[in-house]
C-alpha atoms as a PDB file:
ATOM      1  CA  MET A   1      21.616 -10.824 -16.529  1.00  0.00           C
ATOM      2  CA  LYS A   2      18.087  -9.473 -16.102  1.00  0.00           C
ATOM      3  CA  TYR A   3      16.683  -8.063 -12.892  1.00  0.00           C
ATOM      4  CA  VAL A   4      12.982  -8.033 -12.187  1.00  0.00           C
ATOM      5  CA  LEU A   5      11.385  -6.036  -9.404  1.00  0.00           C
ATOM      6  CA  PHE A   6       8.053  -7.264  -8.115  1.00  0.00           C
ATOM      7  CA  LEU A   7       6.084  -4.722  -6.048  1.00  0.00           C
ATOM      8  CA  PRO A   8       3.125  -5.835  -3.929  1.00  0.00           C
ATOM      9  CA  GLN A   9      -0.307  -5.194  -5.430  1.00  0.00           C
ATOM     10  CA  MET A  10      -1.564  -1.652  -4.772  1.00  0.00           C
ATOM     11  CA  SER A  11      -4.673  -1.200  -2.749  1.00  0.00           C
ATOM     12  CA  HIS A  12      -7.763   0.214  -4.486  1.00  0.00           C
ATOM     13  CA  LYS A  13      -7.278   3.430  -2.491  1.00  0.00           C
ATOM     14  CA  THR A  14      -3.745   3.847  -3.810  1.00  0.00           C
ATOM     15  CA  TYR A  15      -4.643   2.820  -7.354  1.00  0.00           C
ATOM     16  CA  ASN A  16      -7.545   5.280  -7.529  1.00  0.00           C
ATOM     17  CA  THR A  17      -5.213   8.178  -6.790  1.00  0.00           C
ATOM     18  CA  LEU A  18      -3.197   7.452  -9.961  1.00  0.00           C
ATOM     19  CA  GLU A  19      -4.815   8.777 -13.120  1.00  0.00           C
ATOM     20  CA  ARG A  20      -3.954   7.347 -16.534  1.00  0.00           C
ATOM     21  CA  VAL A  21      -1.415   9.052 -18.773  1.00  0.00           C
ATOM     22  CA  LYS A  22      -2.095   8.785 -22.526  1.00  0.00           C
ATOM     23  CA  PRO A  23       0.920   8.357 -24.806  1.00  0.00           C
ATOM     24  CA  GLY A  24       1.860  11.303 -26.990  1.00  0.00           C
ATOM     25  CA  ARG A  25       0.246  14.012 -24.884  1.00  0.00           C
ATOM     26  CA  ASP A  26       1.926  16.650 -22.785  1.00  0.00           C
ATOM     27  CA  HIS A  27       0.739  16.135 -19.245  1.00  0.00           C
ATOM     28  CA  GLY A  28       3.069  18.487 -17.448  1.00  0.00           C
ATOM     29  CA  ALA A  29       1.923  18.874 -13.818  1.00  0.00           C
ATOM     30  CA  GLU A  30      -0.214  15.754 -13.962  1.00  0.00           C
ATOM     31  CA  ALA A  31       2.698  13.528 -14.911  1.00  0.00           C
ATOM     32  CA  LYS A  32       4.914  15.187 -12.329  1.00  0.00           C
ATOM     33  CA  GLU A  33       2.344  14.563  -9.587  1.00  0.00           C
ATOM     34  CA  MET A  34       1.912  10.904 -10.649  1.00  0.00           C
ATOM     35  CA  SER A  35       5.728  10.419 -10.713  1.00  0.00           C
ATOM     36  CA  GLU A  36       5.956  11.795  -7.185  1.00  0.00           C
ATOM     37  CA  LYS A  37       3.270   9.341  -6.031  1.00  0.00           C
ATOM     38  CA  LEU A  38       5.036   6.417  -7.738  1.00  0.00           C
ATOM     39  CA  GLN A  39       8.414   7.502  -6.247  1.00  0.00           C
ATOM     40  CA  PHE A  40       6.741   7.648  -2.820  1.00  0.00           C
ATOM     41  CA  LEU A  41       5.375   4.079  -3.256  1.00  0.00           C
ATOM     42  CA  PHE A  42       8.772   2.741  -4.394  1.00  0.00           C
ATOM     43  CA  ASP A  43      10.545   4.365  -1.445  1.00  0.00           C
ATOM     44  CA  ARG A  44       7.859   3.123   0.984  1.00  0.00           C
ATOM     45  CA  TYR A  45       7.958  -0.477  -0.328  1.00  0.00           C
ATOM     46  CA  ASN A  46      11.767  -0.395  -0.244  1.00  0.00           C
ATOM     47  CA  ARG A  47      11.703   0.519   3.467  1.00  0.00           C
ATOM     48  CA  LEU A  48       8.804  -1.830   4.296  1.00  0.00           C
ATOM     49  CA  TYR A  49       9.797  -5.008   2.440  1.00  0.00           C
ATOM     50  CA  TRP A  50      13.531  -4.657   1.752  1.00  0.00           C
ATOM     51  CA  ARG A  51      14.622  -2.612   4.785  1.00  0.00           C
ATOM     52  CA  GLY A  52      15.900   0.129   2.476  1.00  0.00           C
ATOM     53  CA  ARG A  53      18.468  -2.166   0.806  1.00  0.00           C
ATOM     54  CA  LEU A  54      17.331  -1.605  -2.819  1.00  0.00           C
ATOM     55  CA  PRO A  55      19.467   0.863  -4.772  1.00  0.00           C
ATOM     56  CA  ARG A  56      18.134   4.352  -5.275  1.00  0.00           C
ATOM     57  CA  TYR A  57      15.985   4.527  -8.499  1.00  0.00           C
ATOM     58  CA  ARG A  58      14.118   7.448  -9.973  1.00  0.00           C
ATOM     59  CA  VAL A  59      10.559   6.348 -10.672  1.00  0.00           C
ATOM     60  CA  GLN A  60       8.414   8.225 -13.160  1.00  0.00           C
ATOM     61  CA  ALA A  61       5.008   7.906 -14.836  1.00  0.00           C
ATOM     62  CA  ALA A  62       5.231   7.399 -18.579  1.00  0.00           C
ATOM     63  CA  GLY A  63       2.911   6.879 -21.506  1.00  0.00           C
ATOM     64  CA  LEU A  64       4.507   3.763 -22.898  1.00  0.00           C
ATOM     65  CA  ASP A  65       3.538   1.582 -25.864  1.00  0.00           C
ATOM     66  CA  GLY A  66       0.368  -0.414 -25.042  1.00  0.00           C
ATOM     67  CA  SER A  67       2.283  -3.705 -24.874  1.00  0.00           C
ATOM     68  CA  ILE A  68       4.769  -2.388 -22.282  1.00  0.00           C
ATOM     69  CA  LEU A  69       3.666  -1.859 -18.672  1.00  0.00           C
ATOM     70  CA  GLY A  70       7.013  -0.704 -17.322  1.00  0.00           C
ATOM     71  CA  ARG A  71      10.683  -0.331 -18.130  1.00  0.00           C
ATOM     72  CA  CYS A  72      13.759  -0.313 -15.955  1.00  0.00           C
ATOM     73  CA  ASP A  73      17.093   1.165 -17.049  1.00  0.00           C
ATOM     74  CA  LEU A  74      19.749  -0.342 -14.789  1.00  0.00           C
ATOM     75  CA  ARG A  75      22.538   1.952 -16.006  1.00  0.00           C
ATOM     76  CA  ARG A  76      20.593   5.202 -15.488  1.00  0.00           C
ATOM     77  CA  ARG A  77      18.693   3.784 -12.463  1.00  0.00           C
ATOM     78  CA  THR A  78      15.280   4.857 -13.703  1.00  0.00           C
ATOM     79  CA  ILE A  79      11.987   3.015 -13.691  1.00  0.00           C
ATOM     80  CA  GLU A  80       9.221   4.115 -16.047  1.00  0.00           C
ATOM     81  CA  ILE A  81       5.711   2.857 -15.316  1.00  0.00           C
ATOM     82  CA  ASP A  82       2.807   3.098 -17.790  1.00  0.00           C
ATOM     83  CA  VAL A  83      -0.058   4.587 -15.884  1.00  0.00           C
END
């Protein structure tokens, strides 16, 4: 069984605060800051649209393969998003 999570479209203001991560580079503090912003958005949308009923997931920025925009690991409860 596959689960798909659809998040509402981000506003231009929110999108502009997220900088792109290029695969294969060490981004350190940049990736950590982006991951914190993505986690904030996930938690906010969970409260706003699902009344906090979604399970707790760790959301992180990732430099994924160009054909993959995001990946969800249900067992580890992690979501990676290509930014």
